[in-house]
Amino acid sequence: MVLVRLTVRVYPAAKRAGVGGRYGSSEPPILIVRVTAPAVDGRANQAMLRSVSAALRVPRQSVRIVSGTNSRTKVLELPDVDPQALAALTAAKVE
């Protein structure tokens, strides 16, 4: 199994939840994740992990936060992510 590191930018307490879009212009791209959960007691982190795992179709238990637990920008580690699916999410616009 190949582990992939993915940088995400989380927007807690958003009106609508969604995964998609690109934050900034850095390479590799930073994926935007909006969650309705507030950033209290780790609820936004748990919602973000559920959203990312569902969007990339990987088991929730296999996605973990490597760094940035208390930050909006986080680095996640995931197993065998389809590069095309990741590119499509990064290019997508979420309203």
C-alpha atoms as a PDB file:
ATOM      1  CA  MET A   1       0.000   0.000   0.000  1.00  0.00           C
ATOM      2  CA  VAL A   2       1.295   3.434  -0.957  1.00  0.00           C
ATOM      3  CA  LEU A   3       0.563   6.270   1.475  1.00  0.00           C
ATOM      4  CA  VAL A   4      -0.151   9.689  -0.012  1.00  0.00           C
ATOM      5  CA  ARG A   5       0.224  12.985   1.839  1.00  0.00           C
ATOM      6  CA  LEU A   6      -2.416  15.590   1.071  1.00  0.00           C
ATOM      7  CA  THR A   7      -2.551  19.188   2.295  1.00  0.00           C
ATOM      8  CA  VAL A   8      -6.024  20.545   3.016  1.00  0.00           C
ATOM      9  CA  ARG A   9      -7.388  23.925   4.079  1.00  0.00           C
ATOM     10  CA  VAL A  10     -10.392  23.548   6.390  1.00  0.00           C
ATOM     11  CA  TYR A  11     -13.214  26.064   6.752  1.00  0.00           C
ATOM     12  CA  PRO A  12     -15.155  25.142   9.909  1.00  0.00           C
ATOM     13  CA  ALA A  13     -18.701  26.334  10.648  1.00  0.00           C
ATOM     14  CA  ALA A  14     -19.438  26.808   6.940  1.00  0.00           C
ATOM     15  CA  LYS A  15     -23.029  27.153   5.741  1.00  0.00           C
ATOM     16  CA  ARG A  16     -22.582  24.122   3.477  1.00  0.00           C
ATOM     17  CA  ALA A  17     -20.172  21.218   3.662  1.00  0.00           C
ATOM     18  CA  GLY A  18     -18.131  20.299   0.614  1.00  0.00           C
ATOM     19  CA  VAL A  19     -14.797  19.096  -0.667  1.00  0.00           C
ATOM     20  CA  GLY A  20     -13.323  20.755  -3.717  1.00  0.00           C
ATOM     21  CA  GLY A  21     -11.395  23.706  -4.961  1.00  0.00           C
ATOM     22  CA  ARG A  22      -7.870  24.908  -4.587  1.00  0.00           C
ATOM     23  CA  TYR A  23      -6.450  27.164  -1.900  1.00  0.00           C
ATOM     24  CA  GLY A  24      -3.683  29.439  -3.181  1.00  0.00           C
ATOM     25  CA  SER A  25      -1.444  28.669  -6.110  1.00  0.00           C
ATOM     26  CA  SER A  26       1.235  26.542  -4.469  1.00  0.00           C
ATOM     27  CA  GLU A  27       2.317  23.159  -5.774  1.00  0.00           C
ATOM     28  CA  PRO A  28       1.217  20.568  -4.907  1.00  0.00           C
ATOM     29  CA  PRO A  29      -2.297  22.018  -4.665  1.00  0.00           C
ATOM     30  CA  ILE A  30      -4.021  22.539  -1.327  1.00  0.00           C
ATOM     31  CA  LEU A  31      -7.519  21.036  -1.271  1.00  0.00           C
ATOM     32  CA  ILE A  32     -10.352  23.100   0.258  1.00  0.00           C
ATOM     33  CA  VAL A  33     -12.672  21.313   2.704  1.00  0.00           C
ATOM     34  CA  ARG A  34     -15.721  23.088   4.132  1.00  0.00           C
ATOM     35  CA  VAL A  35     -17.499  21.549   7.130  1.00  0.00           C
ATOM     36  CA  THR A  36     -20.563  22.690   9.058  1.00  0.00           C
ATOM     37  CA  ALA A  37     -19.116  21.529  12.381  1.00  0.00           C
ATOM     38  CA  PRO A  38     -17.545  24.203  14.590  1.00  0.00           C
ATOM     39  CA  ALA A  39     -13.857  24.138  15.487  1.00  0.00           C
ATOM     40  CA  VAL A  40     -14.626  23.037  19.045  1.00  0.00           C
ATOM     41  CA  ASP A  41     -13.451  19.842  20.741  1.00  0.00           C
ATOM     42  CA  GLY A  42     -12.137  18.377  17.474  1.00  0.00           C
ATOM     43  CA  ARG A  43     -15.568  18.295  15.807  1.00  0.00           C
ATOM     44  CA  ALA A  44     -14.366  20.116  12.678  1.00  0.00           C
ATOM     45  CA  ASN A  45     -11.412  17.707  12.365  1.00  0.00           C
ATOM     46  CA  GLN A  46     -13.685  14.672  12.582  1.00  0.00           C
ATOM     47  CA  ALA A  47     -16.115  16.146  10.037  1.00  0.00           C
ATOM     48  CA  MET A  48     -13.207  16.988   7.722  1.00  0.00           C
ATOM     49  CA  LEU A  49     -11.839  13.425   7.936  1.00  0.00           C
ATOM     50  CA  ARG A  50     -15.288  11.994   7.115  1.00  0.00           C
ATOM     51  CA  SER A  51     -15.730  14.386   4.175  1.00  0.00           C
ATOM     52  CA  VAL A  52     -12.302  13.730   2.661  1.00  0.00           C
ATOM     53  CA  SER A  53     -12.604   9.960   3.023  1.00  0.00           C
ATOM     54  CA  ALA A  54     -16.055   9.987   1.394  1.00  0.00           C
ATOM     55  CA  ALA A  55     -14.916  12.271  -1.456  1.00  0.00           C
ATOM     56  CA  LEU A  56     -11.875  10.120  -2.229  1.00  0.00           C
ATOM     57  CA  ARG A  57     -13.667   6.827  -1.529  1.00  0.00           C
ATOM     58  CA  VAL A  58     -11.249   5.496   1.060  1.00  0.00           C
ATOM     59  CA  PRO A  59     -12.155   4.040   4.477  1.00  0.00           C
ATOM     60  CA  ARG A  60     -12.420   6.716   7.184  1.00  0.00           C
ATOM     61  CA  GLN A  61     -10.157   4.701   9.517  1.00  0.00           C
ATOM     62  CA  SER A  62      -7.303   4.860   7.009  1.00  0.00           C
ATOM     63  CA  VAL A  63      -7.205   8.689   6.851  1.00  0.00           C
ATOM     64  CA  ARG A  64      -5.201  10.420   9.554  1.00  0.00           C
ATOM     65  CA  ILE A  65      -3.958  13.900  10.358  1.00  0.00           C
ATOM     66  CA  VAL A  66      -0.157  14.033  10.210  1.00  0.00           C
ATOM     67  CA  SER A  67       0.219  17.704  11.140  1.00  0.00           C
ATOM     68  CA  GLY A  68      -1.897  20.782  11.770  1.00  0.00           C
ATOM     69  CA  THR A  69      -4.422  19.376  14.221  1.00  0.00           C
ATOM     70  CA  ASN A  70      -5.032  22.861  15.658  1.00  0.00           C
ATOM     71  CA  SER A  71      -4.586  24.738  12.372  1.00  0.00           C
ATOM     72  CA  ARG A  72      -6.822  25.365   9.381  1.00  0.00           C
ATOM     73  CA  THR A  73      -4.115  23.986   7.098  1.00  0.00           C
ATOM     74  CA  LYS A  74      -3.513  20.298   7.733  1.00  0.00           C
ATOM     75  CA  VAL A  75      -1.490  17.486   6.212  1.00  0.00           C
ATOM     76  CA  LEU A  76      -3.342  14.186   5.882  1.00  0.00           C
ATOM     77  CA  GLU A  77      -2.032  10.726   5.122  1.00  0.00           C
ATOM     78  CA  LEU A  78      -4.223   8.465   2.982  1.00  0.00           C
ATOM     79  CA  PRO A  79      -3.774   5.065   1.338  1.00  0.00           C
ATOM     80  CA  ASP A  80      -3.715   4.621  -2.466  1.00  0.00           C
ATOM     81  CA  VAL A  81      -5.568   7.713  -3.661  1.00  0.00           C
ATOM     82  CA  ASP A  82      -6.540   7.894  -7.322  1.00  0.00           C
ATOM     83  CA  PRO A  83      -4.530  10.859  -8.710  1.00  0.00           C
ATOM     84  CA  GLN A  84      -7.278  11.688 -11.219  1.00  0.00           C
ATOM     85  CA  ALA A  85      -9.913  11.867  -8.469  1.00  0.00           C
ATOM     86  CA  LEU A  86      -7.678  14.159  -6.451  1.00  0.00           C
ATOM     87  CA  ALA A  87      -7.012  16.402  -9.463  1.00  0.00           C
ATOM     88  CA  ALA A  88     -10.742  16.602 -10.189  1.00  0.00           C
ATOM     89  CA  LEU A  89     -11.502  17.646  -6.579  1.00  0.00           C
ATOM     90  CA  THR A  90      -8.795  20.283  -6.624  1.00  0.00           C
ATOM     91  CA  ALA A  91     -10.120  21.736  -9.861  1.00  0.00           C
ATOM     92  CA  ALA A  92     -13.773  21.679  -8.732  1.00  0.00           C
ATOM     93  CA  LYS A  93     -15.546  24.772  -7.459  1.00  0.00           C
ATOM     94  CA  VAL A  94     -17.614  24.397  -4.298  1.00  0.00           C
ATOM     95  CA  GLU A  95     -20.237  27.039  -3.562  1.00  0.00           C
END
